[in-house]
Amino acid sequence: MTQGIVVGVDGTEQARAAAEWAAEEAVLRGTGVHLVHAHEPWPDSVAHWATRESEEQWAEDLLARTADALRERHPGLSLTTRSLPSGPVPGLVAAGDEGDLLVLGSRALGGVAGYVVGSVGLTVAGAVERPVVLVRALGDASPRGSVVVGIDAREPADAVLGFAFEEAARRRTGVNVVHAQQLPPYAVLGPAVVPDIRPTVAPEIERSLEDVLEPWRTKFPDVTATTRVVIGSAGLALVRAAGDAGLVVVGRRTRRSVLGAHIGSVAHAVLHHSRAPVVLVPHD
């Protein structure tokens, strides 16, 4: 059995925002929230016994305060807590794989639109086999905004589209499906060199998107799905589409490179600049 929605907390404003988002999502799903704090293990040394004890007590107090605050705002919400001394990355990855969804906070860039995902968050997001949500502190995204999802019309991932439609159904909102088409270099040189093929590319892709969405529209008749074909950068297109979104859904391939797990350039761009919470959905 899974543990519902798992949230990593560390006492920061970003983690508190992530916990609140997770609680609201749990209410929509009718499930519970599991709060975890993962910290570096202390060495087995008598000289560190006082520090180790105070760190463990601080973690327990943090988890208790976070849980109490969520219970106050969401009466009846099922909450559990756990302190993990196995280190942030291995601890969060293990905890995330035991849940349906892992939620983490992200550091804001002050007055600049967007946020920075720390090295721990990026590493964990690239390794967990469950969907991972990155949440901004004080994000100004509308919780009732549409669900924006980026897909490749040529290789649509059912896991990504399924997550987007299910979330839209829970939130009683629509799905905005975005496909970004990168043209070959010669195609952007203009008619002085070769015929401009851009006017013919978008309609063809739109027809492909409609075919891809047909079974999802049938399965979720109450969810309005719109499509948008953009010529250019997929990351930039999704960031722009996410301006008034309530949630952004991006796929992450589970295949590992020689450098290990990673989230991909498109997901990386969206995570750093989207105002809305971003969900990374693993798929083959």
C-alpha atoms as a PDB file:
ATOM      1  CA  MET A   1       0.000   0.000   0.000  1.00  0.00           C
ATOM      2  CA  THR A   2       1.134   3.563  -0.672  1.00  0.00           C
ATOM      3  CA  GLN A   3       1.179   6.366   1.882  1.00  0.00           C
ATOM      4  CA  GLY A   4      -0.878   8.901  -0.056  1.00  0.00           C
ATOM      5  CA  ILE A   5       0.933  12.173  -0.666  1.00  0.00           C
ATOM      6  CA  VAL A   6       4.469  12.451   0.715  1.00  0.00           C
ATOM      7  CA  VAL A   7       5.889  15.901   1.526  1.00  0.00           C
ATOM      8  CA  GLY A   8       9.467  16.831   2.345  1.00  0.00           C
ATOM      9  CA  VAL A   9       9.610  19.495   5.077  1.00  0.00           C
ATOM     10  CA  ASP A  10      12.663  21.352   6.387  1.00  0.00           C
ATOM     11  CA  GLY A  11      11.272  24.424   8.143  1.00  0.00           C
ATOM     12  CA  THR A  12      11.554  26.750   5.145  1.00  0.00           C
ATOM     13  CA  GLU A  13       8.779  28.876   3.698  1.00  0.00           C
ATOM     14  CA  GLN A  14       8.954  26.815   0.520  1.00  0.00           C
ATOM     15  CA  ALA A  15       8.415  23.571   2.419  1.00  0.00           C
ATOM     16  CA  ARG A  16       5.422  25.063   4.237  1.00  0.00           C
ATOM     17  CA  ALA A  17       3.910  26.030   0.872  1.00  0.00           C
ATOM     18  CA  ALA A  18       4.530  22.493  -0.380  1.00  0.00           C
ATOM     19  CA  ALA A  19       2.828  21.018   2.695  1.00  0.00           C
ATOM     20  CA  GLU A  20      -0.208  23.253   2.234  1.00  0.00           C
ATOM     21  CA  TRP A  21      -0.458  22.359  -1.464  1.00  0.00           C
ATOM     22  CA  ALA A  22      -0.208  18.669  -0.564  1.00  0.00           C
ATOM     23  CA  ALA A  23      -2.976  18.992   2.020  1.00  0.00           C
ATOM     24  CA  GLU A  24      -5.309  20.618  -0.497  1.00  0.00           C
ATOM     25  CA  GLU A  25      -4.468  17.943  -3.055  1.00  0.00           C
ATOM     26  CA  ALA A  26      -5.099  15.206  -0.475  1.00  0.00           C
ATOM     27  CA  VAL A  27      -8.561  16.627   0.206  1.00  0.00           C
ATOM     28  CA  LEU A  28      -9.314  16.502  -3.531  1.00  0.00           C
ATOM     29  CA  ARG A  29      -8.078  12.907  -3.742  1.00  0.00           C
ATOM     30  CA  GLY A  30      -9.610  11.706  -0.487  1.00  0.00           C
ATOM     31  CA  THR A  31      -6.251  10.460   0.791  1.00  0.00           C
ATOM     32  CA  GLY A  32      -3.761  11.338   3.497  1.00  0.00           C
ATOM     33  CA  VAL A  33      -0.484  13.245   3.834  1.00  0.00           C
ATOM     34  CA  HIS A  34       2.802  11.808   5.079  1.00  0.00           C
ATOM     35  CA  LEU A  35       5.257  14.477   6.291  1.00  0.00           C
ATOM     36  CA  VAL A  36       8.928  13.525   6.231  1.00  0.00           C
ATOM     37  CA  HIS A  37      12.107  15.306   7.253  1.00  0.00           C
ATOM     38  CA  ALA A  38      15.302  13.811   5.855  1.00  0.00           C
ATOM     39  CA  HIS A  39      18.654  14.859   7.301  1.00  0.00           C
ATOM     40  CA  GLU A  40      22.240  13.698   7.123  1.00  0.00           C
ATOM     41  CA  PRO A  41      23.067  10.839   9.496  1.00  0.00           C
ATOM     42  CA  TRP A  42      25.325  11.753  12.383  1.00  0.00           C
ATOM     43  CA  PRO A  43      28.543   9.746  12.924  1.00  0.00           C
ATOM     44  CA  ASP A  44      28.563   7.260  15.778  1.00  0.00           C
ATOM     45  CA  SER A  45      30.630   9.350  18.128  1.00  0.00           C
ATOM     46  CA  VAL A  46      30.037  10.107  21.785  1.00  0.00           C
ATOM     47  CA  ALA A  47      31.245  13.658  21.156  1.00  0.00           C
ATOM     48  CA  HIS A  48      28.223  14.265  18.949  1.00  0.00           C
ATOM     49  CA  TRP A  49      25.556  12.812  21.197  1.00  0.00           C
ATOM     50  CA  ALA A  50      24.182  16.208  22.328  1.00  0.00           C
ATOM     51  CA  THR A  51      24.108  17.630  18.805  1.00  0.00           C
ATOM     52  CA  ARG A  52      22.513  14.490  17.408  1.00  0.00           C
ATOM     53  CA  GLU A  53      19.849  14.506  20.095  1.00  0.00           C
ATOM     54  CA  SER A  54      19.032  18.180  19.553  1.00  0.00           C
ATOM     55  CA  GLU A  55      18.812  17.668  15.776  1.00  0.00           C
ATOM     56  CA  GLU A  56      16.418  14.753  16.194  1.00  0.00           C
ATOM     57  CA  GLN A  57      14.302  16.732  18.646  1.00  0.00           C
ATOM     58  CA  TRP A  58      14.217  19.711  16.270  1.00  0.00           C
ATOM     59  CA  ALA A  59      13.037  17.437  13.446  1.00  0.00           C
ATOM     60  CA  GLU A  60      10.306  15.906  15.594  1.00  0.00           C
ATOM     61  CA  ASP A  61       9.131  19.357  16.729  1.00  0.00           C
ATOM     62  CA  LEU A  62       9.115  20.604  13.135  1.00  0.00           C
ATOM     63  CA  LEU A  63       7.026  17.667  11.945  1.00  0.00           C
ATOM     64  CA  ALA A  64       4.594  18.074  14.847  1.00  0.00           C
ATOM     65  CA  ARG A  65       4.158  21.828  14.255  1.00  0.00           C
ATOM     66  CA  THR A  66       3.614  21.319  10.527  1.00  0.00           C
ATOM     67  CA  ALA A  67       1.074  18.569  11.128  1.00  0.00           C
ATOM     68  CA  ASP A  68      -0.818  20.649  13.723  1.00  0.00           C
ATOM     69  CA  ALA A  69      -1.010  23.621  11.342  1.00  0.00           C
ATOM     70  CA  LEU A  70      -2.400  21.440   8.556  1.00  0.00           C
ATOM     71  CA  ARG A  71      -4.947  19.799  10.859  1.00  0.00           C
ATOM     72  CA  GLU A  72      -6.152  23.221  11.945  1.00  0.00           C
ATOM     73  CA  ARG A  73      -6.744  24.326   8.351  1.00  0.00           C
ATOM     74  CA  HIS A  74      -7.994  20.941   7.125  1.00  0.00           C
ATOM     75  CA  PRO A  75     -10.016  19.227   9.871  1.00  0.00           C
ATOM     76  CA  GLY A  76     -10.285  15.490   9.364  1.00  0.00           C
ATOM     77  CA  LEU A  77      -7.199  15.240   7.169  1.00  0.00           C
ATOM     78  CA  SER A  78      -5.216  12.051   7.826  1.00  0.00           C
ATOM     79  CA  LEU A  79      -1.611  12.969   8.710  1.00  0.00           C
ATOM     80  CA  THR A  80       1.454  10.923   9.603  1.00  0.00           C
ATOM     81  CA  THR A  81       5.052  12.033  10.231  1.00  0.00           C
ATOM     82  CA  ARG A  82       8.485  10.487  10.065  1.00  0.00           C
ATOM     83  CA  SER A  83      12.077  11.658  10.576  1.00  0.00           C
ATOM     84  CA  LEU A  84      14.559  10.050   8.177  1.00  0.00           C
ATOM     85  CA  PRO A  85      18.267  10.040   9.187  1.00  0.00           C
ATOM     86  CA  SER A  86      19.371   8.469   5.894  1.00  0.00           C
ATOM     87  CA  GLY A  87      20.221  11.747   4.143  1.00  0.00           C
ATOM     88  CA  PRO A  88      18.032  14.135   2.072  1.00  0.00           C
ATOM     89  CA  VAL A  89      18.396  12.481  -1.343  1.00  0.00           C
ATOM     90  CA  PRO A  90      18.149   8.773  -0.421  1.00  0.00           C
ATOM     91  CA  GLY A  91      15.574   9.524   2.270  1.00  0.00           C
ATOM     92  CA  LEU A  92      13.264  11.533   0.009  1.00  0.00           C
ATOM     93  CA  VAL A  93      13.638   9.122  -2.908  1.00  0.00           C
ATOM     94  CA  ALA A  94      12.735   6.138  -0.727  1.00  0.00           C
ATOM     95  CA  ALA A  95       9.823   7.962   0.907  1.00  0.00           C
ATOM     96  CA  GLY A  96       8.590   9.285  -2.445  1.00  0.00           C
ATOM     97  CA  ASP A  97       8.541   5.827  -3.991  1.00  0.00           C
ATOM     98  CA  GLU A  98       6.297   4.652  -1.145  1.00  0.00           C
ATOM     99  CA  GLY A  99       3.651   7.292  -1.891  1.00  0.00           C
ATOM    100  CA  ASP A 100       1.367   8.205  -4.767  1.00  0.00           C
ATOM    101  CA  LEU A 101       2.917  11.643  -5.135  1.00  0.00           C
ATOM    102  CA  LEU A 102       5.979  13.440  -3.733  1.00  0.00           C
ATOM    103  CA  VAL A 103       5.741  17.186  -3.069  1.00  0.00           C
ATOM    104  CA  LEU A 104       8.771  19.430  -2.548  1.00  0.00           C
ATOM    105  CA  GLY A 105       9.247  23.169  -2.134  1.00  0.00           C
ATOM    106  CA  SER A 106      11.321  25.375  -4.446  1.00  0.00           C
ATOM    107  CA  ARG A 107      13.358  28.458  -3.690  1.00  0.00           C
ATOM    108  CA  ALA A 108      11.991  31.723  -5.152  1.00  0.00           C
ATOM    109  CA  LEU A 109      14.181  34.169  -7.081  1.00  0.00           C
ATOM    110  CA  GLY A 110      13.043  37.253  -5.189  1.00  0.00           C
ATOM    111  CA  GLY A 111      11.356  39.674  -7.583  1.00  0.00           C
ATOM    112  CA  VAL A 112      12.249  37.625 -10.660  1.00  0.00           C
ATOM    113  CA  ALA A 113       9.503  35.499 -12.173  1.00  0.00           C
ATOM    114  CA  GLY A 114      10.371  31.877 -11.557  1.00  0.00           C
ATOM    115  CA  TYR A 115      12.202  29.849  -8.976  1.00  0.00           C
ATOM    116  CA  VAL A 116      15.391  27.931  -8.448  1.00  0.00           C
ATOM    117  CA  VAL A 117      15.241  24.217  -7.782  1.00  0.00           C
ATOM    118  CA  GLY A 118      18.077  23.183  -5.498  1.00  0.00           C
ATOM    119  CA  SER A 119      20.434  20.314  -6.231  1.00  0.00           C
ATOM    120  CA  VAL A 120      18.603  18.029  -3.804  1.00  0.00           C
ATOM    121  CA  GLY A 121      15.252  18.749  -5.432  1.00  0.00           C
ATOM    122  CA  LEU A 122      16.591  18.174  -8.946  1.00  0.00           C
ATOM    123  CA  THR A 123      18.317  14.937  -7.954  1.00  0.00           C
ATOM    124  CA  VAL A 124      15.264  13.593  -6.170  1.00  0.00           C
ATOM    125  CA  ALA A 125      12.891  14.642  -8.974  1.00  0.00           C
ATOM    126  CA  GLY A 126      15.042  12.768 -11.470  1.00  0.00           C
ATOM    127  CA  ALA A 127      15.194   9.576  -9.421  1.00  0.00           C
ATOM    128  CA  VAL A 128      11.748   9.032  -7.879  1.00  0.00           C
ATOM    129  CA  GLU A 129       9.532   6.621  -9.798  1.00  0.00           C
ATOM    130  CA  ARG A 130       6.359   8.467  -8.763  1.00  0.00           C
ATOM    131  CA  PRO A 131       5.158  11.892  -9.942  1.00  0.00           C
ATOM    132  CA  VAL A 132       6.961  14.752  -8.194  1.00  0.00           C
ATOM    133  CA  VAL A 133       5.454  18.217  -7.614  1.00  0.00           C
ATOM    134  CA  LEU A 134       7.618  21.316  -7.116  1.00  0.00           C
ATOM    135  CA  VAL A 135       5.792  24.181  -5.373  1.00  0.00           C
ATOM    136  CA  ARG A 136       6.808  27.821  -5.103  1.00  0.00           C
ATOM    137  CA  ALA A 137       6.437  29.713  -1.864  1.00  0.00           C
ATOM    138  CA  LEU A 138       3.866  32.486  -2.207  1.00  0.00           C
ATOM    139  CA  GLY A 139       3.151  31.383  -5.768  1.00  0.00           C
ATOM    140  CA  ASP A 140       0.559  33.622  -7.437  1.00  0.00           C
ATOM    141  CA  ALA A 141      -0.855  30.900  -9.682  1.00  0.00           C
ATOM    142  CA  SER A 142      -4.626  30.499  -9.572  1.00  0.00           C
ATOM    143  CA  PRO A 143      -5.589  27.172  -7.954  1.00  0.00           C
ATOM    144  CA  ARG A 144      -8.620  27.170 -10.252  1.00  0.00           C
ATOM    145  CA  GLY A 145      -6.586  27.810 -13.376  1.00  0.00           C
ATOM    146  CA  SER A 146      -6.372  25.248 -16.145  1.00  0.00           C
ATOM    147  CA  VAL A 147      -3.999  22.294 -16.163  1.00  0.00           C
ATOM    148  CA  VAL A 148      -1.287  22.865 -18.774  1.00  0.00           C
ATOM    149  CA  VAL A 149       0.411  19.758 -20.153  1.00  0.00           C
ATOM    150  CA  GLY A 150       3.264  19.505 -22.623  1.00  0.00           C
ATOM    151  CA  ILE A 151       3.302  16.512 -24.968  1.00  0.00           C
ATOM    152  CA  ASP A 152       4.931  15.333 -28.163  1.00  0.00           C
ATOM    153  CA  ALA A 153       2.149  14.563 -30.656  1.00  0.00           C
ATOM    154  CA  ARG A 154       4.402  11.978 -32.301  1.00  0.00           C
ATOM    155  CA  GLU A 155       5.110  10.098 -29.057  1.00  0.00           C
ATOM    156  CA  PRO A 156       2.358  10.957 -26.566  1.00  0.00           C
ATOM    157  CA  ALA A 157       2.809   9.462 -23.102  1.00  0.00           C
ATOM    158  CA  ASP A 158      -0.390   8.057 -21.606  1.00  0.00           C
ATOM    159  CA  ALA A 159       0.937   8.525 -18.064  1.00  0.00           C
ATOM    160  CA  VAL A 160       1.412  12.263 -18.631  1.00  0.00           C
ATOM    161  CA  LEU A 161      -1.952  12.868 -20.314  1.00  0.00           C
ATOM    162  CA  GLY A 162      -3.723  10.645 -17.793  1.00  0.00           C
ATOM    163  CA  PHE A 163      -2.300  12.629 -14.878  1.00  0.00           C
ATOM    164  CA  ALA A 164      -3.305  15.938 -16.491  1.00  0.00           C
ATOM    165  CA  PHE A 165      -6.894  14.865 -17.200  1.00  0.00           C
ATOM    166  CA  GLU A 166      -7.363  13.324 -13.762  1.00  0.00           C
ATOM    167  CA  GLU A 167      -6.140  16.517 -12.088  1.00  0.00           C
ATOM    168  CA  ALA A 168      -8.399  18.672 -14.261  1.00  0.00           C
ATOM    169  CA  ALA A 169     -11.371  16.478 -13.371  1.00  0.00           C
ATOM    170  CA  ARG A 170     -10.612  16.793  -9.635  1.00  0.00           C
ATOM    171  CA  ARG A 171     -10.227  20.561  -9.910  1.00  0.00           C
ATOM    172  CA  ARG A 172     -13.205  20.983 -12.245  1.00  0.00           C
ATOM    173  CA  THR A 173     -11.168  22.871 -14.760  1.00  0.00           C
ATOM    174  CA  GLY A 174      -9.865  22.359 -18.314  1.00  0.00           C
ATOM    175  CA  VAL A 175      -6.711  20.964 -19.894  1.00  0.00           C
ATOM    176  CA  ASN A 176      -4.514  23.036 -22.193  1.00  0.00           C
ATOM    177  CA  VAL A 177      -2.363  20.679 -24.292  1.00  0.00           C
ATOM    178  CA  VAL A 178       0.789  22.284 -25.690  1.00  0.00           C
ATOM    179  CA  HIS A 179       2.996  20.869 -28.443  1.00  0.00           C
ATOM    180  CA  ALA A 180       6.131  22.741 -29.483  1.00  0.00           C
ATOM    181  CA  GLN A 181       7.566  21.930 -32.894  1.00  0.00           C
ATOM    182  CA  GLN A 182      11.231  22.550 -33.568  1.00  0.00           C
ATOM    183  CA  LEU A 183      11.731  23.145 -37.289  1.00  0.00           C
ATOM    184  CA  PRO A 184      14.911  22.090 -39.098  1.00  0.00           C
ATOM    185  CA  PRO A 185      17.469  24.917 -39.467  1.00  0.00           C
ATOM    186  CA  TYR A 186      16.758  25.503 -43.141  1.00  0.00           C
ATOM    187  CA  ALA A 187      13.054  26.025 -42.437  1.00  0.00           C
ATOM    188  CA  VAL A 188      13.614  29.216 -40.425  1.00  0.00           C
ATOM    189  CA  LEU A 189      15.806  30.919 -43.009  1.00  0.00           C
ATOM    190  CA  GLY A 190      12.773  32.270 -44.832  1.00  0.00           C
ATOM    191  CA  PRO A 191      11.396  32.113 -48.378  1.00  0.00           C
ATOM    192  CA  ALA A 192      14.518  33.762 -49.824  1.00  0.00           C
ATOM    193  CA  VAL A 193      16.298  30.440 -49.343  1.00  0.00           C
ATOM    194  CA  VAL A 194      13.616  27.741 -49.179  1.00  0.00           C
ATOM    195  CA  PRO A 195       9.799  27.714 -49.034  1.00  0.00           C
ATOM    196  CA  ASP A 196       8.482  28.586 -45.584  1.00  0.00           C
ATOM    197  CA  ILE A 197       6.866  25.372 -44.315  1.00  0.00           C
ATOM    198  CA  ARG A 198       5.604  26.795 -41.015  1.00  0.00           C
ATOM    199  CA  PRO A 199       2.006  27.502 -42.174  1.00  0.00           C
ATOM    200  CA  THR A 200       1.591  23.834 -43.148  1.00  0.00           C
ATOM    201  CA  VAL A 201       3.246  22.256 -40.111  1.00  0.00           C
ATOM    202  CA  ALA A 202       0.910  23.537 -37.369  1.00  0.00           C
ATOM    203  CA  PRO A 203      -2.412  22.299 -38.917  1.00  0.00           C
ATOM    204  CA  GLU A 204      -0.953  18.834 -39.444  1.00  0.00           C
ATOM    205  CA  ILE A 205       0.197  18.631 -35.823  1.00  0.00           C
ATOM    206  CA  GLU A 206      -3.150  19.955 -34.589  1.00  0.00           C
ATOM    207  CA  ARG A 207      -4.895  17.099 -36.377  1.00  0.00           C
ATOM    208  CA  SER A 208      -2.529  14.639 -34.726  1.00  0.00           C
ATOM    209  CA  LEU A 209      -3.245  16.189 -31.318  1.00  0.00           C
ATOM    210  CA  GLU A 210      -6.977  15.886 -31.860  1.00  0.00           C
ATOM    211  CA  ASP A 211      -6.534  12.181 -32.615  1.00  0.00           C
ATOM    212  CA  VAL A 212      -4.418  11.733 -29.482  1.00  0.00           C
ATOM    213  CA  LEU A 213      -6.971  13.507 -27.285  1.00  0.00           C
ATOM    214  CA  GLU A 214     -10.076  11.772 -28.602  1.00  0.00           C
ATOM    215  CA  PRO A 215      -9.977   8.820 -26.156  1.00  0.00           C
ATOM    216  CA  TRP A 216      -9.195  11.127 -23.209  1.00  0.00           C
ATOM    217  CA  ARG A 217     -12.122  13.388 -24.048  1.00  0.00           C
ATOM    218  CA  THR A 218     -14.332  10.319 -24.145  1.00  0.00           C
ATOM    219  CA  LYS A 219     -13.042   9.116 -20.772  1.00  0.00           C
ATOM    220  CA  PHE A 220     -13.359  12.593 -19.179  1.00  0.00           C
ATOM    221  CA  PRO A 221     -16.415  14.176 -20.861  1.00  0.00           C
ATOM    222  CA  ASP A 222     -16.637  16.970 -18.290  1.00  0.00           C
ATOM    223  CA  VAL A 223     -13.074  18.176 -18.950  1.00  0.00           C
ATOM    224  CA  THR A 224     -12.669  20.715 -21.735  1.00  0.00           C
ATOM    225  CA  ALA A 225      -9.420  20.093 -23.612  1.00  0.00           C
ATOM    226  CA  THR A 226      -7.850  22.689 -25.893  1.00  0.00           C
ATOM    227  CA  THR A 227      -4.714  22.374 -28.006  1.00  0.00           C
ATOM    228  CA  ARG A 228      -1.937  24.798 -28.805  1.00  0.00           C
ATOM    229  CA  VAL A 229       0.811  24.247 -31.375  1.00  0.00           C
ATOM    230  CA  VAL A 230       3.864  26.471 -31.022  1.00  0.00           C
ATOM    231  CA  ILE A 231       6.811  26.672 -33.374  1.00  0.00           C
ATOM    232  CA  GLY A 232       9.980  26.947 -31.314  1.00  0.00           C
ATOM    233  CA  SER A 233      11.288  26.044 -27.866  1.00  0.00           C
ATOM    234  CA  ALA A 234       9.139  23.604 -25.887  1.00  0.00           C
ATOM    235  CA  GLY A 235      10.381  24.956 -22.554  1.00  0.00           C
ATOM    236  CA  LEU A 236       9.604  28.555 -23.464  1.00  0.00           C
ATOM    237  CA  ALA A 237       6.190  27.598 -24.864  1.00  0.00           C
ATOM    238  CA  LEU A 238       5.209  25.818 -21.643  1.00  0.00           C
ATOM    239  CA  VAL A 239       6.428  28.665 -19.449  1.00  0.00           C
ATOM    240  CA  ARG A 240       4.310  31.118 -21.432  1.00  0.00           C
ATOM    241  CA  ALA A 241       1.280  28.826 -21.361  1.00  0.00           C
ATOM    242  CA  ALA A 242       1.690  28.428 -17.604  1.00  0.00           C
ATOM    243  CA  GLY A 243       1.170  32.130 -16.959  1.00  0.00           C
ATOM    244  CA  ASP A 244      -2.442  31.695 -15.796  1.00  0.00           C
ATOM    245  CA  ALA A 245      -2.367  27.955 -15.081  1.00  0.00           C
ATOM    246  CA  GLY A 246      -3.171  26.232 -11.821  1.00  0.00           C
ATOM    247  CA  LEU A 247      -0.812  23.350 -12.533  1.00  0.00           C
ATOM    248  CA  VAL A 248       1.771  22.427 -15.177  1.00  0.00           C
ATOM    249  CA  VAL A 249       2.371  18.787 -16.101  1.00  0.00           C
ATOM    250  CA  VAL A 250       5.601  17.716 -17.818  1.00  0.00           C
ATOM    251  CA  GLY A 251       6.820  14.247 -18.686  1.00  0.00           C
ATOM    252  CA  ARG A 252      10.146  12.828 -17.558  1.00  0.00           C
ATOM    253  CA  ARG A 253      11.639   9.800 -19.267  1.00  0.00           C
ATOM    254  CA  THR A 254      12.741   7.102 -16.855  1.00  0.00           C
ATOM    255  CA  ARG A 255      15.634   5.957 -19.017  1.00  0.00           C
ATOM    256  CA  ARG A 256      18.957   6.799 -17.365  1.00  0.00           C
ATOM    257  CA  SER A 257      21.980   8.250 -19.121  1.00  0.00           C
ATOM    258  CA  VAL A 258      25.625   7.487 -18.368  1.00  0.00           C
ATOM    259  CA  LEU A 259      25.494  10.447 -15.988  1.00  0.00           C
ATOM    260  CA  GLY A 260      22.588   8.959 -14.052  1.00  0.00           C
ATOM    261  CA  ALA A 261      18.974  10.060 -13.738  1.00  0.00           C
ATOM    262  CA  HIS A 262      18.031  13.486 -15.042  1.00  0.00           C
ATOM    263  CA  ILE A 263      14.858  15.453 -15.742  1.00  0.00           C
ATOM    264  CA  GLY A 264      15.549  16.723 -19.269  1.00  0.00           C
ATOM    265  CA  SER A 265      16.034  20.230 -20.647  1.00  0.00           C
ATOM    266  CA  VAL A 266      12.334  21.029 -21.139  1.00  0.00           C
ATOM    267  CA  ALA A 267      11.371  20.033 -17.606  1.00  0.00           C
ATOM    268  CA  HIS A 268      14.403  21.882 -16.262  1.00  0.00           C
ATOM    269  CA  ALA A 269      13.343  25.120 -18.015  1.00  0.00           C
ATOM    270  CA  VAL A 270       9.748  24.865 -16.799  1.00  0.00           C
ATOM    271  CA  LEU A 271      10.786  24.106 -13.217  1.00  0.00           C
ATOM    272  CA  HIS A 272      12.953  27.217 -13.112  1.00  0.00           C
ATOM    273  CA  HIS A 273      10.449  29.671 -14.558  1.00  0.00           C
ATOM    274  CA  SER A 274       6.846  28.544 -14.080  1.00  0.00           C
ATOM    275  CA  ARG A 275       4.816  30.482 -11.524  1.00  0.00           C
ATOM    276  CA  ALA A 276       2.454  27.527 -11.091  1.00  0.00           C
ATOM    277  CA  PRO A 277       3.284  24.258  -9.334  1.00  0.00           C
ATOM    278  CA  VAL A 278       4.988  21.844 -11.739  1.00  0.00           C
ATOM    279  CA  VAL A 279       4.448  18.090 -11.820  1.00  0.00           C
ATOM    280  CA  LEU A 280       7.073  15.791 -13.309  1.00  0.00           C
ATOM    281  CA  VAL A 281       5.439  12.530 -14.422  1.00  0.00           C
ATOM    282  CA  PRO A 282       7.818   9.625 -15.147  1.00  0.00           C
ATOM    283  CA  HIS A 283       7.147   7.557 -18.260  1.00  0.00           C
ATOM    284  CA  ASP A 284       8.968   5.131 -20.550  1.00  0.00           C
END
